[in-house]
Amino acid sequence: VLAWAAWQAQIADMKTPPERRDGLTPEQRFFVGFAQWDCND
């Protein structure tokens, strides 16, 4: 929850908004990046 708020503050100051990459929106990239910290078996 805090990381999301911090990221929103970070991109609010950007002159150019973040772009879609690898078929994912910036918001989706945030959550996939989060999920991949704990890929495990």
PDB file of all heavy atoms in Angstrom:
ATOM      1  N   VAL A   1       0.843  -1.203   0.000  1.00  0.00           N
ATOM      2  CA  VAL A   1       0.000   0.000   0.000  1.00  0.00           C
ATOM      3  C   VAL A   1       0.878   1.253   0.000  1.00  0.00           C
ATOM      4  O   VAL A   1       0.645   2.208  -0.749  1.00  0.00           O
ATOM      5  CB  VAL A   1      -0.944  -0.009   1.220  1.00  0.00           C
ATOM      6  CG1 VAL A   1      -1.609   1.344   1.407  1.00  0.00           C
ATOM      7  CG2 VAL A   1      -2.004  -1.101   1.060  1.00  0.00           C
ATOM      8  N   LEU A   2       1.919   1.252   0.821  1.00  0.00           N
ATOM      9  CA  LEU A   2       2.829   2.403   0.890  1.00  0.00           C
ATOM     10  C   LEU A   2       3.647   2.532  -0.395  1.00  0.00           C
ATOM     11  O   LEU A   2       3.890   3.647  -0.881  1.00  0.00           O
ATOM     12  CB  LEU A   2       3.760   2.261   2.089  1.00  0.00           C
ATOM     13  CG  LEU A   2       3.116   2.296   3.477  1.00  0.00           C
ATOM     14  CD1 LEU A   2       4.181   2.087   4.550  1.00  0.00           C
ATOM     15  CD2 LEU A   2       2.375   3.600   3.711  1.00  0.00           C
ATOM     16  N   ALA A   3       4.098   1.407  -0.948  1.00  0.00           N
ATOM     17  CA  ALA A   3       4.883   1.448  -2.183  1.00  0.00           C
ATOM     18  C   ALA A   3       4.056   2.022  -3.334  1.00  0.00           C
ATOM     19  O   ALA A   3       4.573   2.787  -4.162  1.00  0.00           O
ATOM     20  CB  ALA A   3       5.381   0.044  -2.529  1.00  0.00           C
ATOM     21  N   TRP A   4       2.794   1.665  -3.382  1.00  0.00           N
ATOM     22  CA  TRP A   4       1.905   2.211  -4.424  1.00  0.00           C
ATOM     23  C   TRP A   4       1.795   3.728  -4.281  1.00  0.00           C
ATOM     24  O   TRP A   4       1.920   4.463  -5.263  1.00  0.00           O
ATOM     25  CB  TRP A   4       0.525   1.567  -4.341  1.00  0.00           C
ATOM     26  CG  TRP A   4      -0.470   2.167  -5.296  1.00  0.00           C
ATOM     27  CD1 TRP A   4      -1.286   3.239  -5.061  1.00  0.00           C
ATOM     28  CD2 TRP A   4      -0.727   1.746  -6.634  1.00  0.00           C
ATOM     29  NE1 TRP A   4      -2.042   3.511  -6.176  1.00  0.00           N
ATOM     30  CE2 TRP A   4      -1.715   2.609  -7.151  1.00  0.00           C
ATOM     31  CE3 TRP A   4      -0.224   0.730  -7.444  1.00  0.00           C
ATOM     32  CZ2 TRP A   4      -2.220   2.482  -8.457  1.00  0.00           C
ATOM     33  CZ3 TRP A   4      -0.716   0.603  -8.744  1.00  0.00           C
ATOM     34  CH2 TRP A   4      -1.693   1.465  -9.238  1.00  0.00           C
ATOM     35  N   ALA A   5       1.586   4.182  -3.064  1.00  0.00           N
ATOM     36  CA  ALA A   5       1.468   5.628  -2.833  1.00  0.00           C
ATOM     37  C   ALA A   5       2.764   6.342  -3.201  1.00  0.00           C
ATOM     38  O   ALA A   5       2.745   7.440  -3.791  1.00  0.00           O
ATOM     39  CB  ALA A   5       1.107   5.895  -1.376  1.00  0.00           C
ATOM     40  N   ALA A   6       3.907   5.740  -2.873  1.00  0.00           N
ATOM     41  CA  ALA A   6       5.200   6.351  -3.208  1.00  0.00           C
ATOM     42  C   ALA A   6       5.404   6.394  -4.719  1.00  0.00           C
ATOM     43  O   ALA A   6       5.926   7.385  -5.260  1.00  0.00           O
ATOM     44  CB  ALA A   6       6.329   5.566  -2.543  1.00  0.00           C
ATOM     45  N   TRP A   7       5.008   5.334  -5.407  1.00  0.00           N
ATOM     46  CA  TRP A   7       5.140   5.311  -6.865  1.00  0.00           C
ATOM     47  C   TRP A   7       4.246   6.379  -7.503  1.00  0.00           C
ATOM     48  O   TRP A   7       4.666   7.058  -8.453  1.00  0.00           O
ATOM     49  CB  TRP A   7       4.797   3.928  -7.396  1.00  0.00           C
ATOM     50  CG  TRP A   7       4.864   3.825  -8.899  1.00  0.00           C
ATOM     51  CD1 TRP A   7       5.949   4.108  -9.681  1.00  0.00           C
ATOM     52  CD2 TRP A   7       3.814   3.432  -9.781  1.00  0.00           C
ATOM     53  NE1 TRP A   7       5.639   3.905 -11.009  1.00  0.00           N
ATOM     54  CE2 TRP A   7       4.335   3.495 -11.095  1.00  0.00           C
ATOM     55  CE3 TRP A   7       2.498   3.030  -9.585  1.00  0.00           C
ATOM     56  CZ2 TRP A   7       3.569   3.165 -12.215  1.00  0.00           C
ATOM     57  CZ3 TRP A   7       1.739   2.696 -10.697  1.00  0.00           C
ATOM     58  CH2 TRP A   7       2.267   2.769 -11.997  1.00  0.00           C
ATOM     59  N   GLN A   8       3.045   6.537  -6.978  1.00  0.00           N
ATOM     60  CA  GLN A   8       2.158   7.577  -7.493  1.00  0.00           C
ATOM     61  C   GLN A   8       2.785   8.961  -7.323  1.00  0.00           C
ATOM     62  O   GLN A   8       2.694   9.821  -8.206  1.00  0.00           O
ATOM     63  CB  GLN A   8       0.803   7.511  -6.791  1.00  0.00           C
ATOM     64  CG  GLN A   8      -0.005   6.259  -7.079  1.00  0.00           C
ATOM     65  CD  GLN A   8      -0.365   6.131  -8.549  1.00  0.00           C
ATOM     66  OE1 GLN A   8      -1.066   6.974  -9.107  1.00  0.00           O
ATOM     67  NE2 GLN A   8       0.132   5.075  -9.196  1.00  0.00           N
ATOM     68  N   ALA A   9       3.440   9.177  -6.191  1.00  0.00           N
ATOM     69  CA  ALA A   9       4.123  10.455  -5.966  1.00  0.00           C
ATOM     70  C   ALA A   9       5.286  10.619  -6.942  1.00  0.00           C
ATOM     71  O   ALA A   9       5.542  11.726  -7.445  1.00  0.00           O
ATOM     72  CB  ALA A   9       4.628  10.526  -4.529  1.00  0.00           C
ATOM     73  N   GLN A  10       5.992   9.530  -7.233  1.00  0.00           N
ATOM     74  CA  GLN A  10       7.122   9.576  -8.150  1.00  0.00           C
ATOM     75  C   GLN A  10       6.680   9.949  -9.568  1.00  0.00           C
ATOM     76  O   GLN A  10       7.277  10.824 -10.207  1.00  0.00           O
ATOM     77  CB  GLN A  10       7.833   8.221  -8.153  1.00  0.00           C
ATOM     78  CG  GLN A  10       8.905   8.036  -9.204  1.00  0.00           C
ATOM     79  CD  GLN A  10      10.182   8.793  -8.914  1.00  0.00           C
ATOM     80  OE1 GLN A  10      10.277   9.488  -7.899  1.00  0.00           O
ATOM     81  NE2 GLN A  10      11.163   8.686  -9.798  1.00  0.00           N
ATOM     82  N   ILE A  11       5.636   9.324 -10.071  1.00  0.00           N
ATOM     83  CA  ILE A  11       5.230   9.572 -11.460  1.00  0.00           C
ATOM     84  C   ILE A  11       4.457  10.879 -11.599  1.00  0.00           C
ATOM     85  O   ILE A  11       4.348  11.422 -12.697  1.00  0.00           O
ATOM     86  CB  ILE A  11       4.415   8.393 -12.029  1.00  0.00           C
ATOM     87  CG1 ILE A  11       3.103   8.187 -11.253  1.00  0.00           C
ATOM     88  CG2 ILE A  11       5.253   7.121 -12.022  1.00  0.00           C
ATOM     89  CD1 ILE A  11       2.225   7.080 -11.835  1.00  0.00           C
ATOM     90  N   ALA A  12       3.941  11.406 -10.474  1.00  0.00           N
ATOM     91  CA  ALA A  12       3.217  12.676 -10.532  1.00  0.00           C
ATOM     92  C   ALA A  12       4.128  13.817 -10.948  1.00  0.00           C
ATOM     93  O   ALA A  12       3.674  14.809 -11.528  1.00  0.00           O
ATOM     94  CB  ALA A  12       2.580  12.978  -9.183  1.00  0.00           C
ATOM     95  N   ASP A  13       5.412  13.680 -10.663  1.00  0.00           N
ATOM     96  CA  ASP A  13       6.380  14.733 -10.981  1.00  0.00           C
ATOM     97  C   ASP A  13       7.024  14.547 -12.351  1.00  0.00           C
ATOM     98  O   ASP A  13       7.862  15.359 -12.757  1.00  0.00           O
ATOM     99  CB  ASP A  13       7.475  14.769  -9.908  1.00  0.00           C
ATOM    100  CG  ASP A  13       6.941  15.168  -8.539  1.00  0.00           C
ATOM    101  OD1 ASP A  13       5.920  15.869  -8.493  1.00  0.00           O
ATOM    102  OD2 ASP A  13       7.546  14.750  -7.526  1.00  0.00           O
ATOM    103  N   MET A  14       6.658  13.474 -13.053  1.00  0.00           N
ATOM    104  CA  MET A  14       7.278  13.202 -14.346  1.00  0.00           C
ATOM    105  C   MET A  14       6.602  14.008 -15.461  1.00  0.00           C
ATOM    106  O   MET A  14       5.372  14.081 -15.520  1.00  0.00           O
ATOM    107  CB  MET A  14       7.188  11.702 -14.664  1.00  0.00           C
ATOM    108  CG  MET A  14       7.976  10.823 -13.699  1.00  0.00           C
ATOM    109  SD  MET A  14       7.733   9.048 -13.978  1.00  0.00           S
ATOM    110  CE  MET A  14       8.361   8.865 -15.648  1.00  0.00           C
ATOM    111  N   LYS A  15       7.405  14.606 -16.320  1.00  0.00           N
ATOM    112  CA  LYS A  15       6.849  15.374 -17.441  1.00  0.00           C
ATOM    113  C   LYS A  15       6.200  14.455 -18.461  1.00  0.00           C
ATOM    114  O   LYS A  15       5.187  14.796 -19.074  1.00  0.00           O
ATOM    115  CB  LYS A  15       7.961  16.194 -18.100  1.00  0.00           C
ATOM    116  CG  LYS A  15       8.534  17.288 -17.212  1.00  0.00           C
ATOM    117  CD  LYS A  15       9.612  18.073 -17.939  1.00  0.00           C
ATOM    118  CE  LYS A  15      10.169  19.173 -17.045  1.00  0.00           C
ATOM    119  NZ  LYS A  15      11.255  19.948 -17.732  1.00  0.00           N
ATOM    120  N   THR A  16       6.794  13.280 -18.637  1.00  0.00           N
ATOM    121  CA  THR A  16       6.246  12.287 -19.568  1.00  0.00           C
ATOM    122  C   THR A  16       5.716  11.107 -18.773  1.00  0.00           C
ATOM    123  O   THR A  16       6.471  10.477 -18.023  1.00  0.00           O
ATOM    124  CB  THR A  16       7.325  11.798 -20.544  1.00  0.00           C
ATOM    125  OG1 THR A  16       7.878  12.915 -21.235  1.00  0.00           O
ATOM    126  CG2 THR A  16       6.740  10.814 -21.539  1.00  0.00           C
ATOM    127  N   PRO A  17       4.429  10.786 -18.889  1.00  0.00           N
ATOM    128  CA  PRO A  17       3.884   9.676 -18.099  1.00  0.00           C
ATOM    129  C   PRO A  17       4.509   8.348 -18.510  1.00  0.00           C
ATOM    130  O   PRO A  17       4.957   8.184 -19.656  1.00  0.00           O
ATOM    131  CB  PRO A  17       2.391   9.720 -18.432  1.00  0.00           C
ATOM    132  CG  PRO A  17       2.302  10.425 -19.740  1.00  0.00           C
ATOM    133  CD  PRO A  17       3.426  11.414 -19.752  1.00  0.00           C
ATOM    134  N   PRO A  18       4.600   7.378 -17.585  1.00  0.00           N
ATOM    135  CA  PRO A  18       5.175   6.066 -17.920  1.00  0.00           C
ATOM    136  C   PRO A  18       4.381   5.375 -19.018  1.00  0.00           C
ATOM    137  O   PRO A  18       3.165   5.548 -19.144  1.00  0.00           O
ATOM    138  CB  PRO A  18       5.097   5.301 -16.600  1.00  0.00           C
ATOM    139  CG  PRO A  18       4.062   6.004 -15.794  1.00  0.00           C
ATOM    140  CD  PRO A  18       4.106   7.437 -16.195  1.00  0.00           C
ATOM    141  N   GLU A  19       5.082   4.575 -19.802  1.00  0.00           N
ATOM    142  CA  GLU A  19       4.479   3.950 -20.972  1.00  0.00           C
ATOM    143  C   GLU A  19       4.209   2.465 -20.745  1.00  0.00           C
ATOM    144  O   GLU A  19       4.768   1.840 -19.854  1.00  0.00           O
ATOM    145  CB  GLU A  19       5.417   4.104 -22.180  1.00  0.00           C
ATOM    146  CG  GLU A  19       5.702   5.548 -22.572  1.00  0.00           C
ATOM    147  CD  GLU A  19       6.690   5.629 -23.718  1.00  0.00           C
ATOM    148  OE1 GLU A  19       7.331   4.585 -24.020  1.00  0.00           O
ATOM    149  OE2 GLU A  19       6.827   6.721 -24.303  1.00  0.00           O
ATOM    150  N   ARG A  20       3.362   1.951 -21.598  1.00  0.00           N
ATOM    151  CA  ARG A  20       3.092   0.522 -21.618  1.00  0.00           C
ATOM    152  C   ARG A  20       4.328  -0.200 -22.166  1.00  0.00           C
ATOM    153  O   ARG A  20       4.923   0.222 -23.154  1.00  0.00           O
ATOM    154  CB  ARG A  20       1.882   0.255 -22.517  1.00  0.00           C
ATOM    155  CG  ARG A  20       1.419  -1.196 -22.577  1.00  0.00           C
ATOM    156  CD  ARG A  20       0.262  -1.324 -23.560  1.00  0.00           C
ATOM    157  NE  ARG A  20      -0.276  -2.659 -23.566  1.00  0.00           N
ATOM    158  CZ  ARG A  20      -1.310  -3.062 -22.859  1.00  0.00           C
ATOM    159  NH1 ARG A  20      -1.936  -2.191 -22.074  1.00  0.00           N
ATOM    160  NH2 ARG A  20      -1.737  -4.297 -22.930  1.00  0.00           N
ATOM    161  N   ARG A  21       4.734  -1.299 -21.504  1.00  0.00           N
ATOM    162  CA  ARG A  21       5.883  -2.086 -21.947  1.00  0.00           C
ATOM    163  C   ARG A  21       5.568  -3.573 -21.837  1.00  0.00           C
ATOM    164  O   ARG A  21       4.855  -3.992 -20.928  1.00  0.00           O
ATOM    165  CB  ARG A  21       7.119  -1.797 -21.099  1.00  0.00           C
ATOM    166  CG  ARG A  21       7.665  -0.384 -21.167  1.00  0.00           C
ATOM    167  CD  ARG A  21       9.011  -0.336 -20.457  1.00  0.00           C
ATOM    168  NE  ARG A  21       9.548   1.003 -20.358  1.00  0.00           N
ATOM    169  CZ  ARG A  21      10.766   1.294 -19.918  1.00  0.00           C
ATOM    170  NH1 ARG A  21      11.582   0.318 -19.533  1.00  0.00           N
ATOM    171  NH2 ARG A  21      11.190   2.533 -19.854  1.00  0.00           N
ATOM    172  N   ASP A  22       6.125  -4.340 -22.730  1.00  0.00           N
ATOM    173  CA  ASP A  22       5.984  -5.810 -22.676  1.00  0.00           C
ATOM    174  C   ASP A  22       4.526  -6.240 -22.579  1.00  0.00           C
ATOM    175  O   ASP A  22       4.203  -7.261 -21.962  1.00  0.00           O
ATOM    176  CB  ASP A  22       6.767  -6.378 -21.487  1.00  0.00           C
ATOM    177  CG  ASP A  22       8.242  -6.038 -21.529  1.00  0.00           C
ATOM    178  OD1 ASP A  22       8.834  -6.112 -22.616  1.00  0.00           O
ATOM    179  OD2 ASP A  22       8.796  -5.680 -20.467  1.00  0.00           O
ATOM    180  N   GLY A  23       3.635  -5.447 -23.186  1.00  0.00           N
ATOM    181  CA  GLY A  23       2.219  -5.795 -23.152  1.00  0.00           C
ATOM    182  C   GLY A  23       1.542  -5.525 -21.827  1.00  0.00           C
ATOM    183  O   GLY A  23       0.433  -6.011 -21.588  1.00  0.00           O
ATOM    184  N   LEU A  24       2.185  -4.745 -20.976  1.00  0.00           N
ATOM    185  CA  LEU A  24       1.642  -4.450 -19.649  1.00  0.00           C
ATOM    186  C   LEU A  24       1.580  -2.946 -19.442  1.00  0.00           C
ATOM    187  O   LEU A  24       2.516  -2.216 -19.797  1.00  0.00           O
ATOM    188  CB  LEU A  24       2.526  -5.065 -18.561  1.00  0.00           C
ATOM    189  CG  LEU A  24       2.669  -6.594 -18.545  1.00  0.00           C
ATOM    190  CD1 LEU A  24       3.791  -6.995 -17.585  1.00  0.00           C
ATOM    191  CD2 LEU A  24       1.359  -7.259 -18.155  1.00  0.00           C
ATOM    192  N   THR A  25       0.500  -2.479 -18.843  1.00  0.00           N
ATOM    193  CA  THR A  25       0.407  -1.076 -18.472  1.00  0.00           C
ATOM    194  C   THR A  25       1.365  -0.803 -17.309  1.00  0.00           C
ATOM    195  O   THR A  25       1.811  -1.740 -16.631  1.00  0.00           O
ATOM    196  CB  THR A  25      -1.011  -0.716 -18.037  1.00  0.00           C
ATOM    197  OG1 THR A  25      -1.299  -1.382 -16.790  1.00  0.00           O
ATOM    198  CG2 THR A  25      -2.045  -1.111 -19.086  1.00  0.00           C
ATOM    199  N   PRO A  26       1.709   0.463 -17.042  1.00  0.00           N
ATOM    200  CA  PRO A  26       2.565   0.746 -15.894  1.00  0.00           C
ATOM    201  C   PRO A  26       2.000   0.197 -14.587  1.00  0.00           C
ATOM    202  O   PRO A  26       2.754  -0.315 -13.744  1.00  0.00           O
ATOM    203  CB  PRO A  26       2.626   2.277 -15.883  1.00  0.00           C
ATOM    204  CG  PRO A  26       2.389   2.675 -17.299  1.00  0.00           C
ATOM    205  CD  PRO A  26       1.415   1.677 -17.832  1.00  0.00           C
ATOM    206  N   GLU A  27       0.678   0.290 -14.409  1.00  0.00           N
ATOM    207  CA  GLU A  27       0.066  -0.219 -13.184  1.00  0.00           C
ATOM    208  C   GLU A  27       0.211  -1.735 -13.080  1.00  0.00           C
ATOM    209  O   GLU A  27       0.486  -2.281 -12.000  1.00  0.00           O
ATOM    210  CB  GLU A  27      -1.413   0.170 -13.142  1.00  0.00           C
ATOM    211  CG  GLU A  27      -1.672   1.660 -12.978  1.00  0.00           C
ATOM    212  CD  GLU A  27      -1.469   2.456 -14.263  1.00  0.00           C
ATOM    213  OE1 GLU A  27      -1.361   1.820 -15.352  1.00  0.00           O
ATOM    214  OE2 GLU A  27      -1.414   3.703 -14.195  1.00  0.00           O
ATOM    215  N   GLN A  28       0.035  -2.412 -14.207  1.00  0.00           N
ATOM    216  CA  GLN A  28       0.216  -3.864 -14.205  1.00  0.00           C
ATOM    217  C   GLN A  28       1.677  -4.234 -13.948  1.00  0.00           C
ATOM    218  O   GLN A  28       1.969  -5.209 -13.245  1.00  0.00           O
ATOM    219  CB  GLN A  28      -0.254  -4.439 -15.545  1.00  0.00           C
ATOM    220  CG  GLN A  28      -1.761  -4.350 -15.740  1.00  0.00           C
ATOM    221  CD  GLN A  28      -2.191  -4.700 -17.154  1.00  0.00           C
ATOM    222  OE1 GLN A  28      -1.382  -4.676 -18.094  1.00  0.00           O
ATOM    223  NE2 GLN A  28      -3.474  -4.995 -17.333  1.00  0.00           N
ATOM    224  N   ARG A  29       2.595  -3.435 -14.476  1.00  0.00           N
ATOM    225  CA  ARG A  29       4.019  -3.687 -14.248  1.00  0.00           C
ATOM    226  C   ARG A  29       4.373  -3.529 -12.771  1.00  0.00           C
ATOM    227  O   ARG A  29       5.229  -4.242 -12.241  1.00  0.00           O
ATOM    228  CB  ARG A  29       4.875  -2.744 -15.110  1.00  0.00           C
ATOM    229  CG  ARG A  29       4.812  -3.079 -16.588  1.00  0.00           C
ATOM    230  CD  ARG A  29       5.599  -2.081 -17.425  1.00  0.00           C
ATOM    231  NE  ARG A  29       7.027  -2.149 -17.188  1.00  0.00           N
ATOM    232  CZ  ARG A  29       7.846  -3.071 -17.675  1.00  0.00           C
ATOM    233  NH1 ARG A  29       7.373  -4.042 -18.442  1.00  0.00           N
ATOM    234  NH2 ARG A  29       9.140  -3.040 -17.416  1.00  0.00           N
ATOM    235  N   PHE A  30       3.732  -2.591 -12.107  1.00  0.00           N
ATOM    236  CA  PHE A  30       3.937  -2.432 -10.669  1.00  0.00           C
ATOM    237  C   PHE A  30       3.587  -3.723  -9.938  1.00  0.00           C
ATOM    238  O   PHE A  30       4.370  -4.218  -9.118  1.00  0.00           O
ATOM    239  CB  PHE A  30       3.087  -1.275 -10.141  1.00  0.00           C
ATOM    240  CG  PHE A  30       3.112  -1.116  -8.652  1.00  0.00           C
ATOM    241  CD1 PHE A  30       4.042  -0.291  -8.037  1.00  0.00           C
ATOM    242  CD2 PHE A  30       2.204  -1.794  -7.840  1.00  0.00           C
ATOM    243  CE1 PHE A  30       4.070  -0.141  -6.652  1.00  0.00           C
ATOM    244  CE2 PHE A  30       2.222  -1.653  -6.459  1.00  0.00           C
ATOM    245  CZ  PHE A  30       3.160  -0.824  -5.868  1.00  0.00           C
ATOM    246  N   PHE A  31       2.430  -4.285 -10.255  1.00  0.00           N
ATOM    247  CA  PHE A  31       1.979  -5.473  -9.523  1.00  0.00           C
ATOM    248  C   PHE A  31       2.736  -6.738  -9.942  1.00  0.00           C
ATOM    249  O   PHE A  31       2.997  -7.609  -9.098  1.00  0.00           O
ATOM    250  CB  PHE A  31       0.474  -5.655  -9.687  1.00  0.00           C
ATOM    251  CG  PHE A  31      -0.334  -4.689  -8.871  1.00  0.00           C
ATOM    252  CD1 PHE A  31      -0.990  -3.628  -9.483  1.00  0.00           C
ATOM    253  CD2 PHE A  31      -0.403  -4.811  -7.495  1.00  0.00           C
ATOM    254  CE1 PHE A  31      -1.723  -2.715  -8.724  1.00  0.00           C
ATOM    255  CE2 PHE A  31      -1.129  -3.904  -6.726  1.00  0.00           C
ATOM    256  CZ  PHE A  31      -1.786  -2.846  -7.344  1.00  0.00           C
ATOM    257  N   VAL A  32       3.100  -6.858 -11.208  1.00  0.00           N
ATOM    258  CA  VAL A  32       3.900  -8.012 -11.620  1.00  0.00           C
ATOM    259  C   VAL A  32       5.301  -7.918 -11.012  1.00  0.00           C
ATOM    260  O   VAL A  32       5.866  -8.916 -10.546  1.00  0.00           O
ATOM    261  CB  VAL A  32       3.970  -8.116 -13.159  1.00  0.00           C
ATOM    262  CG1 VAL A  32       4.968  -9.203 -13.579  1.00  0.00           C
ATOM    263  CG2 VAL A  32       2.591  -8.420 -13.727  1.00  0.00           C
ATOM    264  N   GLY A  33       5.867  -6.706 -10.983  1.00  0.00           N
ATOM    265  CA  GLY A  33       7.158  -6.525 -10.319  1.00  0.00           C
ATOM    266  C   GLY A  33       7.094  -6.919  -8.863  1.00  0.00           C
ATOM    267  O   GLY A  33       8.012  -7.574  -8.338  1.00  0.00           O
ATOM    268  N   PHE A  34       5.999  -6.550  -8.200  1.00  0.00           N
ATOM    269  CA  PHE A  34       5.803  -6.970  -6.807  1.00  0.00           C
ATOM    270  C   PHE A  34       5.754  -8.484  -6.705  1.00  0.00           C
ATOM    271  O   PHE A  34       6.451  -9.093  -5.873  1.00  0.00           O
ATOM    272  CB  PHE A  34       4.515  -6.354  -6.257  1.00  0.00           C
ATOM    273  CG  PHE A  34       3.961  -7.056  -5.052  1.00  0.00           C
ATOM    274  CD1 PHE A  34       4.641  -7.028  -3.843  1.00  0.00           C
ATOM    275  CD2 PHE A  34       2.769  -7.761  -5.126  1.00  0.00           C
ATOM    276  CE1 PHE A  34       4.138  -7.689  -2.724  1.00  0.00           C
ATOM    277  CE2 PHE A  34       2.255  -8.418  -4.015  1.00  0.00           C
ATOM    278  CZ  PHE A  34       2.937  -8.379  -2.816  1.00  0.00           C
ATOM    279  N   ALA A  35       4.942  -9.120  -7.541  1.00  0.00           N
ATOM    280  CA  ALA A  35       4.749 -10.568  -7.435  1.00  0.00           C
ATOM    281  C   ALA A  35       6.042 -11.327  -7.671  1.00  0.00           C
ATOM    282  O   ALA A  35       6.304 -12.356  -7.033  1.00  0.00           O
ATOM    283  CB  ALA A  35       3.674 -11.022  -8.427  1.00  0.00           C
ATOM    284  N   GLN A  36       6.884 -10.818  -8.566  1.00  0.00           N
ATOM    285  CA  GLN A  36       8.075 -11.584  -8.931  1.00  0.00           C
ATOM    286  C   GLN A  36       9.181 -11.535  -7.884  1.00  0.00           C
ATOM    287  O   GLN A  36      10.162 -12.264  -8.005  1.00  0.00           O
ATOM    288  CB  GLN A  36       8.601 -11.112 -10.290  1.00  0.00           C
ATOM    289  CG  GLN A  36       7.732 -11.581 -11.443  1.00  0.00           C
ATOM    290  CD  GLN A  36       8.374 -11.362 -12.798  1.00  0.00           C
ATOM    291  OE1 GLN A  36       9.335 -10.607 -12.951  1.00  0.00           O
ATOM    292  NE2 GLN A  36       7.832 -12.019 -13.812  1.00  0.00           N
ATOM    293  N   TRP A  37       9.026 -10.730  -6.832  1.00  0.00           N
ATOM    294  CA  TRP A  37      10.058 -10.772  -5.791  1.00  0.00           C
ATOM    295  C   TRP A  37      10.050 -12.119  -5.065  1.00  0.00           C
ATOM    296  O   TRP A  37      11.072 -12.543  -4.526  1.00  0.00           O
ATOM    297  CB  TRP A  37       9.877  -9.633  -4.778  1.00  0.00           C
ATOM    298  CG  TRP A  37       8.915  -9.903  -3.663  1.00  0.00           C
ATOM    299  CD1 TRP A  37       7.609  -9.524  -3.590  1.00  0.00           C
ATOM    300  CD2 TRP A  37       9.184 -10.590  -2.430  1.00  0.00           C
ATOM    301  NE1 TRP A  37       7.030  -9.946  -2.406  1.00  0.00           N
ATOM    302  CE2 TRP A  37       7.982 -10.596  -1.675  1.00  0.00           C
ATOM    303  CE3 TRP A  37      10.312 -11.191  -1.890  1.00  0.00           C
ATOM    304  CZ2 TRP A  37       7.885 -11.196  -0.414  1.00  0.00           C
ATOM    305  CZ3 TRP A  37      10.211 -11.792  -0.635  1.00  0.00           C
ATOM    306  CH2 TRP A  37       9.012 -11.783   0.084  1.00  0.00           C
ATOM    307  N   ASP A  38       8.880 -12.801  -5.091  1.00  0.00           N
ATOM    308  CA  ASP A  38       8.798 -14.040  -4.316  1.00  0.00           C
ATOM    309  C   ASP A  38       8.406 -15.240  -5.153  1.00  0.00           C
ATOM    310  O   ASP A  38       7.752 -16.157  -4.666  1.00  0.00           O
ATOM    311  CB  ASP A  38       7.822 -13.867  -3.152  1.00  0.00           C
ATOM    312  CG  ASP A  38       8.100 -14.865  -2.020  1.00  0.00           C
ATOM    313  OD1 ASP A  38       9.224 -15.403  -1.977  1.00  0.00           O
ATOM    314  OD2 ASP A  38       7.210 -15.101  -1.192  1.00  0.00           O
ATOM    315  N   CYS A  39       8.800 -15.270  -6.430  1.00  0.00           N
ATOM    316  CA  CYS A  39       8.674 -16.514  -7.177  1.00  0.00           C
ATOM    317  C   CYS A  39       9.498 -17.572  -6.434  1.00  0.00           C
ATOM    318  O   CYS A  39      10.660 -17.344  -6.116  1.00  0.00           O
ATOM    319  CB  CYS A  39       9.218 -16.343  -8.589  1.00  0.00           C
ATOM    320  SG  CYS A  39       8.348 -15.124  -9.609  1.00  0.00           S
ATOM    321  N   ASN A  40       8.894 -18.732  -6.176  1.00  0.00           N
ATOM    322  CA  ASN A  40       9.603 -19.700  -5.338  1.00  0.00           C
ATOM    323  C   ASN A  40       9.008 -21.088  -5.482  1.00  0.00           C
ATOM    324  O   ASN A  40       7.926 -21.275  -6.053  1.00  0.00           O
ATOM    325  CB  ASN A  40       9.549 -19.260  -3.871  1.00  0.00           C
ATOM    326  CG  ASN A  40       8.209 -19.549  -3.224  1.00  0.00           C
ATOM    327  OD1 ASN A  40       8.027 -20.577  -2.579  1.00  0.00           O
ATOM    328  ND2 ASN A  40       7.231 -18.650  -3.413  1.00  0.00           N
ATOM    329  N   ASP A  41       9.719 -22.040  -4.941  1.00  0.00           N
ATOM    330  CA  ASP A  41       9.251 -23.424  -4.873  1.00  0.00           C
ATOM    331  C   ASP A  41       9.910 -24.061  -3.658  1.00  0.00           C
ATOM    332  O   ASP A  41      10.961 -23.606  -3.204  1.00  0.00           O
ATOM    333  CB  ASP A  41       9.627 -24.180  -6.145  1.00  0.00           C
ATOM    334  CG  ASP A  41       8.737 -25.389  -6.397  1.00  0.00           C
ATOM    335  OD1 ASP A  41       7.864 -25.667  -5.546  1.00  0.00           O
ATOM    336  OD2 ASP A  41       8.919 -26.054  -7.438  1.00  0.00           O
TER     337      ASP A  41
END
